[in-house]
């Protein structure tokens, strides 16, 4: 198994990030959308408790909050990915459908040569730093095809039976930078420890602690994108020390915090005409 440093590029015009990794990832989730592609190799993906055998040419689709892990199985993986923030996805979906609503991918793994070709061409342009408008066309064409193949509206708010878990999540989203205890989460949810752990695993696919760590990583990413030094980002997001933060961030993002911060150096916000 190879766990090499990744490559990453931020495209200010498209407002998304492109990555290339040769590595596996432990169980985690994102607060953004991911469109990935297996350029080479084989892997075993577990997403939303469903197992997939990944092969060359497969597209991988994650909605925000989809819990997943990936390990190599056989030939080493060459994974290409696009990370699309929610606000960017809202704008893209509105342009394609006329509806300003977040979509949801109904499938996590897809084999479609046409979409794969569009993805590879777009990813190469972004990684090379192209600013030609052809990459905007390719992004819209790719997303349009994916939505036709496996898109559906985002689910309605959680029913009453899931409200306890959502209360615990809301508490962590407000207090991720502080010390959070399991007892406090149980109090917020109104459940015992064992009941909360079972409910959390069922609804979110991860434990409360892993959910909190993912929240902290997500917030740290935003701070690093704004140029905040890694040590300060670690402190502001509740990590016990910078070493813990660096190890955790590198494990889940594929880049060290300092290297991730560098890809946003000189980042400019594009103007948008309505």
Protein backbone atom coordinates (compact mmCIF):
# COMPACT_ATOMS: atom_id res chain seq x y z
CA UNK A 1 0.00 0.00 0.00
CA UNK A 2 1.34 3.42 -0.93
CA UNK A 3 0.62 6.51 1.15
CA UNK A 4 2.41 9.20 -0.82
CA UNK A 5 1.93 12.95 -0.45
CA UNK A 6 -0.93 14.16 -2.60
CA UNK A 7 -1.20 16.89 -5.18
CA UNK A 8 -3.86 19.57 -4.86
CA UNK A 9 -4.93 22.68 -6.79
CA UNK A 10 -7.56 25.28 -5.95
CA UNK A 11 -9.39 26.73 -8.97
CA UNK A 12 -10.68 30.17 -7.96
CA UNK A 13 -12.82 30.52 -11.09
CA UNK A 14 -14.63 27.22 -10.59
CA UNK A 15 -14.52 27.53 -6.77
CA UNK A 16 -13.49 23.94 -6.16
CA UNK A 17 -10.40 21.86 -5.39
CA UNK A 18 -8.75 19.15 -7.48
CA UNK A 19 -6.68 16.35 -5.91
CA UNK A 20 -4.58 13.40 -6.95
CA UNK A 21 -3.67 10.70 -4.41
CA UNK A 22 -1.93 7.35 -4.29
CA UNK A 23 -3.23 6.15 -0.94
CA UNK A 24 -6.04 4.63 1.09
CA UNK A 25 -8.25 6.49 3.57
CA UNK A 26 -9.79 5.51 6.92
CA UNK A 27 -13.46 5.98 7.64
CA UNK A 28 -14.50 9.64 7.46
CA UNK A 29 -16.93 12.03 5.76
CA UNK A 30 -16.88 15.47 4.14
CA UNK A 31 -19.04 18.58 4.45
CA UNK A 32 -18.77 19.08 0.68
CA UNK A 33 -19.49 17.06 -2.47
CA UNK A 34 -16.84 14.80 -3.99
CA UNK A 35 -16.58 13.52 -7.54
CA UNK A 36 -13.72 11.05 -7.83
CA UNK A 37 -12.21 8.87 -10.51
CA UNK A 38 -10.05 5.74 -10.43
CA UNK A 39 -7.36 6.42 -13.00
CA UNK A 40 -5.63 3.14 -12.23
CA UNK A 41 -5.51 0.34 -9.69
CA UNK A 42 -8.08 -1.48 -7.59
CA UNK A 43 -9.69 -0.70 -4.27
CA UNK A 44 -12.34 -1.70 -1.76
CA UNK A 45 -14.77 1.09 -0.88
CA UNK A 46 -17.30 1.02 1.94
CA UNK A 47 -19.84 3.86 1.79
CA UNK A 48 -23.09 4.10 3.72
CA UNK A 49 -22.50 0.47 4.83
CA UNK A 50 -22.40 -0.79 1.21
CA UNK A 51 -19.22 -2.44 -0.11
CA UNK A 52 -17.90 -1.77 -3.62
CA UNK A 53 -14.99 -3.23 -5.57
CA UNK A 54 -13.33 -0.29 -7.33
CA UNK A 55 -11.58 -0.65 -10.66
CA UNK A 56 -9.97 1.55 -13.27
CA UNK A 57 -12.49 3.90 -14.87
CA UNK A 58 -14.96 3.98 -11.96
CA UNK A 59 -16.43 7.30 -10.86
CA UNK A 60 -17.01 7.82 -7.13
CA UNK A 61 -19.72 10.19 -5.88
CA UNK A 62 -20.06 11.40 -2.28
CA UNK A 63 -22.75 13.64 -0.87
CA UNK A 64 -21.95 15.80 2.15
CA UNK A 65 -22.06 13.55 5.21
CA UNK A 66 -21.60 10.22 3.35
CA UNK A 67 -19.41 8.13 5.65
CA UNK A 68 -16.83 6.13 3.68
CA UNK A 69 -13.46 4.38 3.77
CA UNK A 70 -11.25 3.09 0.99
CA UNK A 71 -8.40 0.57 0.91
CA UNK A 72 -6.25 -0.71 -1.93
CA UNK A 73 -6.88 -4.28 -3.06
CA UNK A 74 -4.30 -5.52 -5.52
CA UNK A 75 -2.89 -2.89 -7.89
CA UNK A 76 -2.09 0.44 -6.21
CA UNK A 77 -4.76 3.12 -6.55
CA UNK A 78 -4.30 6.28 -8.59
CA UNK A 79 -7.22 8.39 -7.40
CA UNK A 80 -8.28 11.75 -8.89
CA UNK A 81 -10.85 13.87 -7.08
CA UNK A 82 -12.85 17.11 -7.21
CA UNK A 83 -14.09 18.63 -3.94
CA UNK A 84 -17.09 20.90 -4.53
CA UNK A 85 -18.35 23.17 -1.69
CA UNK A 86 -22.09 23.31 -1.07
CA UNK A 87 -22.38 26.94 -2.22
CA UNK A 88 -20.60 26.13 -5.48
CA UNK A 89 -22.90 23.14 -6.00
CA UNK A 90 -25.95 25.32 -5.34
CA UNK A 91 -24.85 27.75 -8.07
CA UNK A 92 -24.08 24.95 -10.53
CA UNK A 93 -27.37 23.16 -9.89
CA UNK A 94 -29.34 26.40 -10.24
CA UNK A 95 -27.67 27.06 -13.59
CA UNK A 96 -28.44 23.54 -14.81
CA UNK A 97 -31.96 23.06 -13.45
CA UNK A 98 -33.29 26.49 -12.54
CA UNK A 99 -33.80 25.21 -8.98
CA UNK A 100 -31.54 26.47 -6.19
CA UNK A 101 -31.55 23.24 -4.22
CA UNK A 102 -28.76 20.87 -3.24
CA UNK A 103 -28.86 17.59 -5.16
CA UNK A 104 -28.03 14.14 -3.83
CA UNK A 105 -26.30 11.33 -5.67
CA UNK A 106 -28.31 8.12 -5.36
CA UNK A 107 -25.28 5.99 -6.26
CA UNK A 108 -21.76 6.15 -4.86
CA UNK A 109 -19.98 4.24 -7.64
CA UNK A 110 -20.71 4.66 -11.32
CA UNK A 111 -19.14 3.29 -14.49
CA UNK A 112 -19.90 5.61 -17.40
CA UNK A 113 -17.27 6.18 -20.13
CA UNK A 114 -18.71 9.51 -21.28
CA UNK A 115 -18.75 11.01 -17.78
CA UNK A 116 -15.32 9.51 -17.13
CA UNK A 117 -13.89 11.19 -20.22
CA UNK A 118 -15.35 14.57 -19.21
CA UNK A 119 -13.97 14.16 -15.69
CA UNK A 120 -10.44 13.30 -16.83
CA UNK A 121 -10.31 16.21 -19.29
CA UNK A 122 -11.59 18.66 -16.66
CA UNK A 123 -9.27 17.38 -13.94
CA UNK A 124 -6.22 17.66 -16.19
CA UNK A 125 -7.10 21.26 -17.08
CA UNK A 126 -7.44 22.24 -13.43
CA UNK A 127 -4.24 20.49 -12.34
CA UNK A 128 -2.33 22.25 -15.15
CA UNK A 129 -3.67 25.63 -14.04
CA UNK A 130 -5.70 26.30 -17.18
CA UNK A 131 -7.97 29.35 -17.11
CA UNK A 132 -9.72 28.67 -20.42
CA UNK A 133 -13.51 28.69 -20.27
CA UNK A 134 -13.56 25.16 -21.69
CA UNK A 135 -13.12 23.80 -18.17
CA UNK A 136 -16.34 25.59 -17.10
CA UNK A 137 -18.20 23.91 -19.96
CA UNK A 138 -16.78 20.53 -19.01
CA UNK A 139 -17.81 20.95 -15.37
CA UNK A 140 -21.38 21.78 -16.36
CA UNK A 141 -21.52 18.92 -18.87
CA UNK A 142 -20.13 16.47 -16.32
CA UNK A 143 -22.50 17.51 -13.55
CA UNK A 144 -25.48 17.57 -15.92
CA UNK A 145 -24.81 13.99 -16.96
CA UNK A 146 -24.25 12.79 -13.40
CA UNK A 147 -27.51 14.39 -12.25
CA UNK A 148 -29.38 12.71 -15.09
CA UNK A 149 -27.85 9.33 -14.30
CA UNK A 150 -28.09 9.29 -10.52
CA UNK A 151 -29.32 12.61 -9.13
CA UNK A 152 -32.28 13.15 -6.85
CA UNK A 153 -33.42 15.99 -4.58
CA UNK A 154 -31.89 16.13 -1.12
CA UNK A 155 -33.90 14.30 1.50
CA UNK A 156 -36.40 16.12 3.66
CA UNK A 157 -35.45 16.99 7.24
CA UNK A 158 -34.99 14.04 9.56
CA UNK A 159 -38.16 12.55 11.09
CA UNK A 160 -38.81 12.71 14.82
CA UNK A 161 -37.09 9.35 15.44
CA UNK A 162 -33.74 10.85 14.41
CA UNK A 163 -34.08 14.13 16.28
CA UNK A 164 -31.98 12.96 19.24
CA UNK A 165 -28.95 12.38 17.03
CA UNK A 166 -29.49 15.70 15.24
CA UNK A 167 -29.54 17.50 18.60
CA UNK A 168 -26.18 15.95 19.50
CA UNK A 169 -24.79 16.94 16.09
CA UNK A 170 -26.06 20.50 16.46
CA UNK A 171 -24.33 20.77 19.83
CA UNK A 172 -21.01 19.61 18.35
CA UNK A 173 -21.38 22.03 15.44
CA UNK A 174 -21.71 24.89 17.95
CA UNK A 175 -18.98 23.74 20.35
CA UNK A 176 -16.40 21.90 18.22
CA UNK A 177 -13.67 24.29 19.43
CA UNK A 178 -14.30 23.39 23.07
CA UNK A 179 -13.96 20.25 25.18
CA UNK A 180 -16.91 18.02 24.35
CA UNK A 181 -17.83 15.06 26.56
CA UNK A 182 -19.98 12.02 25.83
CA UNK A 183 -22.07 12.78 28.93
CA UNK A 184 -22.89 16.25 27.59
CA UNK A 185 -23.88 14.81 24.22
CA UNK A 186 -26.13 12.27 25.97
CA UNK A 187 -27.74 15.12 27.86
CA UNK A 188 -28.35 17.07 24.65
CA UNK A 189 -29.77 14.00 22.91
CA UNK A 190 -31.74 12.70 25.87
CA UNK A 191 -30.26 9.22 25.42
CA UNK A 192 -28.04 6.89 27.43
CA UNK A 193 -24.47 6.33 26.27
CA UNK A 194 -25.17 2.98 24.65
CA UNK A 195 -28.37 4.27 23.02
CA UNK A 196 -26.60 7.32 21.63
CA UNK A 197 -23.74 5.25 20.22
CA UNK A 198 -26.17 2.84 18.52
CA UNK A 199 -28.33 5.64 17.15
CA UNK A 200 -25.32 7.61 15.91
CA UNK A 201 -23.86 4.62 14.11
CA UNK A 202 -27.21 3.92 12.48
CA UNK A 203 -27.92 7.50 11.37
CA UNK A 204 -24.43 8.85 10.60
CA UNK A 205 -22.31 5.77 9.99
CA UNK A 206 -19.63 6.97 12.45
CA UNK A 207 -19.29 7.34 16.21
CA UNK A 208 -19.92 10.72 17.90
CA UNK A 209 -16.18 11.15 18.47
CA UNK A 210 -15.37 10.57 14.79
CA UNK A 211 -18.17 12.95 13.82
CA UNK A 212 -16.64 15.62 16.05
CA UNK A 213 -13.14 15.07 14.65
CA UNK A 214 -14.49 15.38 11.10
CA UNK A 215 -16.25 18.61 12.05
CA UNK A 216 -12.99 19.96 13.45
CA UNK A 217 -11.06 19.00 10.33
CA UNK A 218 -13.70 20.66 8.16
CA UNK A 219 -13.49 23.89 10.13
CA UNK A 220 -9.67 23.73 10.15
CA UNK A 221 -9.71 23.45 6.35
CA UNK A 222 -11.72 26.67 6.13
CA UNK A 223 -9.28 28.48 8.42
CA UNK A 224 -6.26 27.26 6.47
CA UNK A 225 -7.91 28.36 3.23
CA UNK A 226 -8.11 31.85 4.75
CA UNK A 227 -4.38 31.81 5.51
CA UNK A 228 -4.59 31.05 9.24
CA UNK A 229 -1.35 29.37 10.46
CA UNK A 230 -1.69 25.64 11.27
CA UNK A 231 -0.92 26.14 14.98
CA UNK A 232 -3.72 28.69 15.32
CA UNK A 233 -6.11 26.54 13.28
CA UNK A 234 -5.42 23.61 15.62
CA UNK A 235 -6.12 25.75 18.68
CA UNK A 236 -9.31 27.29 17.30
CA UNK A 237 -10.80 23.95 16.29
CA UNK A 238 -10.30 22.14 19.59
CA UNK A 239 -7.35 19.86 18.87
CA UNK A 240 -5.35 19.04 21.98
CA UNK A 241 -1.99 19.84 20.36
CA UNK A 242 -0.55 20.65 16.95
CA UNK A 243 1.04 17.20 16.57
CA UNK A 244 -2.35 15.53 16.97
CA UNK A 245 -3.86 18.01 14.54
CA UNK A 246 -1.12 17.49 11.92
CA UNK A 247 -1.33 13.71 12.11
CA UNK A 248 -5.12 13.65 11.94
CA UNK A 249 -5.33 16.25 9.16
CA UNK A 250 -2.71 14.48 7.04
CA UNK A 251 -4.39 11.13 7.52
CA UNK A 252 -7.82 12.30 6.36
CA UNK A 253 -7.01 15.04 3.86
CA UNK A 254 -3.88 13.52 2.36
CA UNK A 255 -1.82 16.69 2.82
CA UNK A 256 -0.12 18.25 5.83
CA UNK A 257 -1.89 21.42 7.12
CA UNK A 258 0.93 23.68 5.91
CA UNK A 259 0.88 22.15 2.42
CA UNK A 260 -2.91 22.46 2.27
CA UNK A 261 -2.68 26.14 3.28
CA UNK A 262 -0.17 26.76 0.48
CA UNK A 263 -2.58 25.80 -2.32
CA UNK A 264 -4.77 28.75 -1.33
CA UNK A 265 -1.96 31.29 -1.19
CA UNK A 266 -2.97 34.30 -3.28
CA UNK A 267 -6.51 32.99 -3.62
CA UNK A 268 -8.85 35.56 -5.15
CA UNK A 269 -12.57 35.52 -4.92
CA UNK A 270 -14.15 35.74 -8.39
CA UNK A 271 -16.99 38.15 -9.08
CA UNK A 272 -20.32 36.73 -10.20
CA UNK A 273 -22.92 38.54 -12.22
CA UNK A 274 -26.52 37.65 -11.62
